[in-house]
Protein backbone atom coordinates (compact mmCIF):
# COMPACT_ATOMS: atom_id res chain seq x y z
CA MET A 1 -54.39 -11.78 67.28
CA THR A 2 -57.11 -9.67 68.80
CA THR A 3 -55.93 -10.09 72.46
CA SER A 4 -52.32 -9.30 71.61
CA SER A 5 -53.43 -6.21 69.64
CA ASN A 6 -55.50 -5.16 72.66
CA ALA A 7 -52.58 -5.81 74.84
CA GLY A 8 -50.30 -3.91 72.85
CA THR A 9 -52.63 -0.89 72.60
CA ALA A 10 -52.92 -1.04 76.66
CA GLN A 11 -49.18 -0.88 76.97
CA ALA A 12 -48.99 2.20 74.59
CA ALA A 13 -51.57 3.80 76.56
CA GLY A 14 -49.43 3.48 79.66
CA PRO A 15 -49.42 1.25 82.58
CA GLY A 16 -52.02 1.38 85.24
CA VAL A 17 -54.64 2.66 82.82
CA SER A 18 -57.97 0.83 82.75
CA GLU A 19 -59.61 -0.24 79.38
CA PRO A 20 -62.46 2.22 79.79
CA ALA A 21 -60.16 5.20 80.58
CA ARG A 22 -57.95 4.22 77.29
CA ARG A 23 -61.21 4.06 75.22
CA GLU A 24 -62.25 7.37 76.50
CA ARG A 25 -58.94 8.86 75.51
CA ARG A 26 -58.80 7.50 72.17
CA TRP A 27 -62.48 8.82 71.70
CA ASN A 28 -61.41 12.22 73.00
CA TRP A 29 -58.57 12.59 70.63
CA SER A 30 -60.76 11.18 67.75
CA TRP A 31 -63.29 13.79 68.67
CA LEU A 32 -60.67 16.54 68.63
CA ARG A 33 -59.44 15.50 65.12
CA VAL A 34 -63.28 15.63 63.90
CA THR A 35 -64.56 18.77 65.35
CA GLY A 36 -61.35 20.75 65.49
CA SER A 37 -62.10 21.84 69.12
CA VAL A 38 -59.37 22.65 71.55
CA GLY A 39 -61.13 21.89 74.51
CA PRO A 40 -61.36 23.84 77.83
CA LEU A 41 -57.75 24.56 78.08
CA GLY A 42 -57.61 26.28 74.55
CA ILE A 43 -60.83 28.29 75.66
CA ALA A 44 -59.12 29.33 78.75
CA THR A 45 -56.06 30.43 76.94
CA ALA A 46 -58.07 32.47 74.27
CA VAL A 47 -60.12 34.25 77.03
CA LEU A 48 -56.96 35.09 78.99
CA TRP A 49 -55.11 36.52 76.08
CA LEU A 50 -58.12 38.46 75.07
CA SER A 51 -58.50 39.73 78.64
CA ILE A 52 -54.87 40.82 78.71
CA ILE A 53 -54.80 42.43 75.25
CA VAL A 54 -58.25 44.01 74.98
CA LEU A 55 -60.52 43.83 78.18
CA LEU A 56 -58.15 44.84 80.83
CA PRO A 57 -56.92 47.96 78.78
CA LEU A 58 -60.46 48.85 77.92
CA ALA A 59 -61.47 48.55 81.66
CA ALA A 60 -58.70 50.70 82.85
CA LEU A 61 -59.60 53.39 80.29
CA THR A 62 -63.31 53.10 81.37
CA VAL A 63 -62.33 53.57 85.18
CA THR A 64 -60.02 56.49 84.47
CA SER A 65 -62.81 58.32 82.56
CA PHE A 66 -65.19 57.94 85.68
CA GLU A 67 -62.63 58.88 88.40
CA ASP A 68 -64.61 62.17 88.89
CA GLY A 69 -67.82 60.28 88.70
CA TRP A 70 -70.75 60.45 86.23
CA SER A 71 -70.99 64.14 86.29
CA GLY A 72 -67.24 64.65 85.55
CA PHE A 73 -67.48 62.24 82.72
CA TRP A 74 -70.26 64.04 81.28
CA ASP A 75 -68.78 67.30 81.71
CA ALA A 76 -65.72 66.21 79.93
CA VAL A 77 -67.47 64.68 76.92
CA THR A 78 -69.99 67.58 76.48
CA ALA A 79 -67.36 70.40 76.56
CA PRO A 80 -67.78 72.65 73.80
CA ALA A 81 -64.11 71.81 72.35
CA ALA A 82 -64.79 68.00 72.88
CA LEU A 83 -68.07 68.11 71.33
CA ASP A 84 -66.63 69.97 68.36
CA SER A 85 -63.77 67.40 67.91
CA LEU A 86 -66.41 64.39 68.12
CA ARG A 87 -68.70 66.28 65.55
CA ILE A 88 -65.78 66.91 63.18
CA THR A 89 -64.43 63.34 63.54
CA VAL A 90 -67.79 61.58 62.93
CA LEU A 91 -68.63 64.11 60.00
CA VAL A 92 -65.28 63.50 58.22
CA SER A 93 -65.48 59.86 58.81
CA VAL A 94 -68.90 59.50 57.36
CA VAL A 95 -67.73 61.41 54.18
CA VAL A 96 -64.81 59.22 54.00
CA ALA A 97 -66.91 55.94 54.41
CA VAL A 98 -69.16 57.23 51.32
CA VAL A 99 -66.24 58.16 49.24
CA ASN A 100 -64.46 54.87 49.68
CA VAL A 101 -67.67 52.86 49.18
CA VAL A 102 -68.00 54.34 45.82
CA MET A 103 -64.39 54.42 44.96
CA GLY A 104 -63.45 51.26 46.52
CA THR A 105 -66.24 49.31 44.73
CA LEU A 106 -65.25 50.66 41.43
CA ILE A 107 -61.50 49.90 42.00
CA ALA A 108 -62.58 46.20 43.10
CA TRP A 109 -64.62 45.95 39.87
CA VAL A 110 -61.83 47.01 37.67
CA LEU A 111 -59.25 44.84 39.50
CA VAL A 112 -61.56 41.60 39.18
CA ARG A 113 -63.13 42.36 35.74
CA ASP A 114 -60.76 44.14 33.65
CA ARG A 115 -57.38 43.30 32.29
CA PHE A 116 -54.63 45.77 31.91
CA PRO A 117 -50.86 46.38 32.15
CA GLY A 118 -49.60 46.42 35.61
CA LYS A 119 -52.65 45.20 37.15
CA GLY A 120 -50.83 43.07 39.85
CA VAL A 121 -48.74 46.13 40.91
CA VAL A 122 -52.11 47.94 41.31
CA ASN A 123 -53.47 45.20 43.23
CA ALA A 124 -50.42 45.14 45.57
CA LEU A 125 -50.53 48.67 46.18
CA ILE A 126 -54.17 48.52 47.64
CA ASP A 127 -52.69 46.97 50.73
CA LEU A 128 -49.81 49.72 51.10
CA PRO A 129 -51.88 51.72 53.68
CA PHE A 130 -51.88 48.65 55.90
CA ALA A 131 -48.06 48.34 55.94
CA LEU A 132 -47.16 52.00 55.70
CA PRO A 133 -46.97 53.90 59.13
CA THR A 134 -49.67 56.51 58.96
CA ILE A 135 -47.40 59.46 59.91
CA VAL A 136 -45.50 58.73 56.63
CA ALA A 137 -48.85 59.15 54.85
CA SER A 138 -49.25 62.46 56.52
CA ILE A 139 -45.87 63.74 55.53
CA VAL A 140 -46.36 62.70 51.84
CA LEU A 141 -50.04 64.21 51.77
CA LEU A 142 -48.52 67.55 53.39
CA SER A 143 -45.66 67.58 50.78
CA LEU A 144 -48.14 67.06 47.93
CA TYR A 145 -51.05 69.37 49.22
CA GLY A 146 -49.25 71.50 51.70
CA PRO A 147 -48.00 75.25 51.32
CA GLN A 148 -45.31 74.24 49.16
CA SER A 149 -47.51 72.08 46.81
CA PRO A 150 -45.99 71.13 43.43
CA ILE A 151 -49.44 70.90 41.94
CA ASP A 152 -50.57 74.16 43.49
CA VAL A 153 -53.42 72.34 45.45
CA HIS A 154 -53.46 73.48 49.03
CA LEU A 155 -55.36 71.39 51.52
CA ASN A 156 -53.56 71.64 54.67
CA ALA A 157 -55.50 72.69 57.60
CA THR A 158 -58.86 72.08 55.89
CA GLN A 159 -61.36 69.35 56.20
CA PRO A 160 -60.98 68.23 52.68
CA GLY A 161 -57.34 67.53 53.53
CA LEU A 162 -58.64 65.40 56.45
CA VAL A 163 -61.03 63.65 54.11
CA VAL A 164 -57.91 62.82 51.70
CA ALA A 165 -55.62 61.65 54.53
CA LEU A 166 -58.40 59.24 55.82
CA ALA A 167 -59.46 57.93 52.50
CA PHE A 168 -55.91 56.92 51.94
CA VAL A 169 -55.72 54.86 55.11
CA THR A 170 -59.12 53.30 54.67
CA LEU A 171 -59.53 52.60 50.99
CA PRO A 172 -58.20 48.87 51.31
CA PHE A 173 -61.22 48.11 53.70
CA VAL A 174 -63.88 48.44 50.92
CA VAL A 175 -61.71 47.10 48.22
CA ARG A 176 -60.75 43.88 50.16
CA SER A 177 -64.35 43.37 51.30
CA VAL A 178 -65.99 43.69 47.67
CA GLN A 179 -63.25 41.98 45.73
CA PRO A 180 -63.76 38.30 47.03
CA VAL A 181 -67.49 38.64 46.33
CA LEU A 182 -66.84 40.00 42.94
CA ILE A 183 -64.73 37.13 42.26
CA GLU A 184 -67.09 34.53 43.49
CA ALA A 185 -70.24 36.14 41.59
CA ASP A 186 -71.99 33.94 39.20
CA ARG A 187 -71.26 35.57 35.69
CA GLU A 188 -73.83 33.29 33.81
CA VAL A 189 -76.74 35.24 35.75
CA GLU A 190 -75.41 38.57 34.34
CA GLN A 191 -74.80 37.00 30.82
CA ALA A 192 -78.50 35.63 30.82
CA ALA A 193 -79.82 39.14 32.03
CA LEU A 194 -77.86 40.99 29.11
CA SER A 195 -79.00 38.25 26.52
CA LEU A 196 -82.75 39.03 27.73
CA GLY A 197 -82.31 42.66 26.65
CA ALA A 198 -81.20 44.39 29.97
CA ASN A 199 -78.46 46.92 29.50
CA ASN A 200 -75.29 47.12 31.64
CA TRP A 201 -76.65 49.63 34.20
CA THR A 202 -79.87 47.53 34.97
CA THR A 203 -77.87 44.25 35.12
CA PHE A 204 -75.58 45.91 37.68
CA ARG A 205 -78.46 47.53 39.71
CA ARG A 206 -80.70 44.52 39.81
CA ILE A 207 -78.26 41.56 39.83
CA VAL A 208 -74.81 42.50 40.82
CA LEU A 209 -75.45 45.37 43.43
CA PRO A 210 -77.71 43.24 45.77
CA ALA A 211 -75.18 40.48 45.80
CA LEU A 212 -72.28 43.24 46.70
CA THR A 213 -74.54 45.21 49.29
CA PRO A 214 -73.47 43.35 52.33
CA ALA A 215 -69.82 43.42 51.48
CA ILE A 216 -70.02 47.12 50.59
CA ILE A 217 -71.69 48.01 53.93
CA SER A 218 -69.21 45.84 55.73
CA GLY A 219 -66.25 47.56 54.12
CA GLY A 220 -67.82 51.05 54.48
CA GLY A 221 -68.52 50.53 58.18
CA LEU A 222 -65.01 49.19 58.88
CA ALA A 223 -63.70 52.23 57.04
CA PHE A 224 -65.71 54.51 59.26
CA ALA A 225 -64.80 52.66 62.50
CA ARG A 226 -61.07 53.04 61.41
CA ALA A 227 -61.44 56.68 60.63
CA ILE A 228 -63.02 57.42 63.94
CA GLY A 229 -59.80 56.71 65.82
CA GLU A 230 -57.10 57.92 63.26
CA TYR A 231 -54.21 60.10 64.21
CA GLY A 232 -51.13 59.72 62.47
CA SER A 233 -52.34 60.45 58.88
CA VAL A 234 -54.07 63.69 59.95
CA VAL A 235 -51.57 65.06 62.50
CA LEU A 236 -49.70 67.13 60.09
CA ILE A 237 -52.01 67.89 57.25
CA GLY A 238 -54.86 68.42 59.40
CA GLY A 239 -53.36 71.09 61.33
CA ALA A 240 -55.35 70.69 64.57
CA ILE A 241 -57.35 73.80 64.61
CA PRO A 242 -59.68 73.83 67.53
CA ARG A 243 -63.32 73.69 66.13
CA LYS A 244 -62.23 73.49 62.71
CA THR A 245 -59.87 70.54 61.98
CA GLU A 246 -59.05 69.22 65.22
CA MET A 247 -60.12 65.37 65.26
CA ALA A 248 -61.01 63.68 68.56
CA SER A 249 -57.74 61.87 68.44
CA GLN A 250 -55.74 65.22 68.46
CA TYR A 251 -57.99 66.61 71.09
CA ILE A 252 -57.21 63.52 73.32
CA GLN A 253 -53.63 64.16 72.94
CA LYS A 254 -54.03 67.91 73.72
CA GLN A 255 -55.87 66.85 77.15
CA ILE A 256 -52.91 64.63 78.00
CA GLU A 257 -50.29 67.33 77.37
CA ILE A 258 -52.23 69.81 79.61
CA ASP A 259 -52.51 67.00 82.24
CA ARG A 260 -56.01 66.11 82.05
CA PRO A 261 -56.15 62.52 81.85
CA VAL A 262 -59.87 62.12 82.94
CA ASN A 263 -60.93 64.37 79.95
CA ALA A 264 -58.77 62.36 77.61
CA ALA A 265 -60.15 59.15 78.78
CA ALA A 266 -63.72 60.29 78.65
CA VAL A 267 -63.46 61.36 75.10
CA SER A 268 -61.77 58.15 74.27
CA VAL A 269 -64.51 56.32 75.78
CA ALA A 270 -66.97 58.20 73.60
CA LEU A 271 -64.86 57.27 70.60
CA LEU A 272 -64.88 53.59 71.80
CA ALA A 273 -68.58 53.53 72.01
CA ILE A 274 -69.01 55.00 68.65
CA SER A 275 -66.72 52.17 67.02
CA PHE A 276 -68.36 49.52 69.16
CA VAL A 277 -71.84 50.36 68.04
CA THR A 278 -70.54 50.65 64.38
CA LEU A 279 -69.01 47.04 64.52
CA LEU A 280 -71.95 45.56 66.36
CA VAL A 281 -74.44 46.95 63.77
CA LEU A 282 -72.15 45.52 61.01
CA ARG A 283 -72.12 42.19 62.95
CA LEU A 284 -75.92 41.98 63.22
CA LEU A 285 -76.31 42.86 59.51
CA ALA A 286 -73.77 40.27 58.51
CA GLU A 287 -75.66 37.42 60.48
CA ARG A 288 -78.98 38.69 59.16
CA SER A 289 -77.67 38.32 55.56
CA ALA A 290 -76.20 34.90 56.12
CA ARG A 291 -79.57 33.67 57.46
CA LYS A 292 -81.29 35.29 54.45
CA GLU A 293 -78.87 33.63 52.09
CA GLN A 294 -79.53 30.13 53.83
CA ALA A 295 -83.20 30.58 53.54
CA THR A 296 -83.03 31.21 49.88
CA ARG A 297 -81.11 27.94 49.13
């Protein structure tokens, strides 16, 4: 029976295939099922796709930004109008990140810990900025806070208007980062602290907040990185007033319109560097938090 079974396996593997090769093939497929690895072909496909979609466009952008040499790149980035647009962009993005850290954490807390009518609708609305074209958000915000504001609040062509627009499109990053951590939080520890006499604020500050801090930092960092390159939501309500409300993305568009692609590429590379450093820091903090969590177990 054993001999006939092996023969059947050999026939299934194909003619002209030696027994060691068949064993190696069976071992390779078994190893694939266990490890989930896709092998060299899968890795090559992933690298190729990443190169086409991400690396090649970034390389082309960088090459364009240095067409006039390092001095040309530096002059383009340090031009007064470029520096002002970068300063406004970073300042507004930091404010937006801080606002969303506070309000996003509060909203995530309400969605996880409280029960109220329409909770499912509110939870679905959080993801609306992901699906809504950002230019539509700019139109809506301009209708609400523009010169014809029905509530008599005029934020068009102001930096607070930029903050409102960017807060709208970046809010989901914080909420969706904090929400899963709250769901998985150990409520028994909080109840134990309350039973020992700690008030709600002390329990939140000493027990809940340390557990939420990595998620809050991650969500805030993602919101900042998203706000850095935003264009659609600020194009109308911001007004693009030079040295007042002109974001870097709007400055880049203006440079393209006046046929200065090298200047536009240089400022784009500066934005790219800011976003890359932000995401790198978030990655390092996440790895450090994971190692710390494993060490405490």
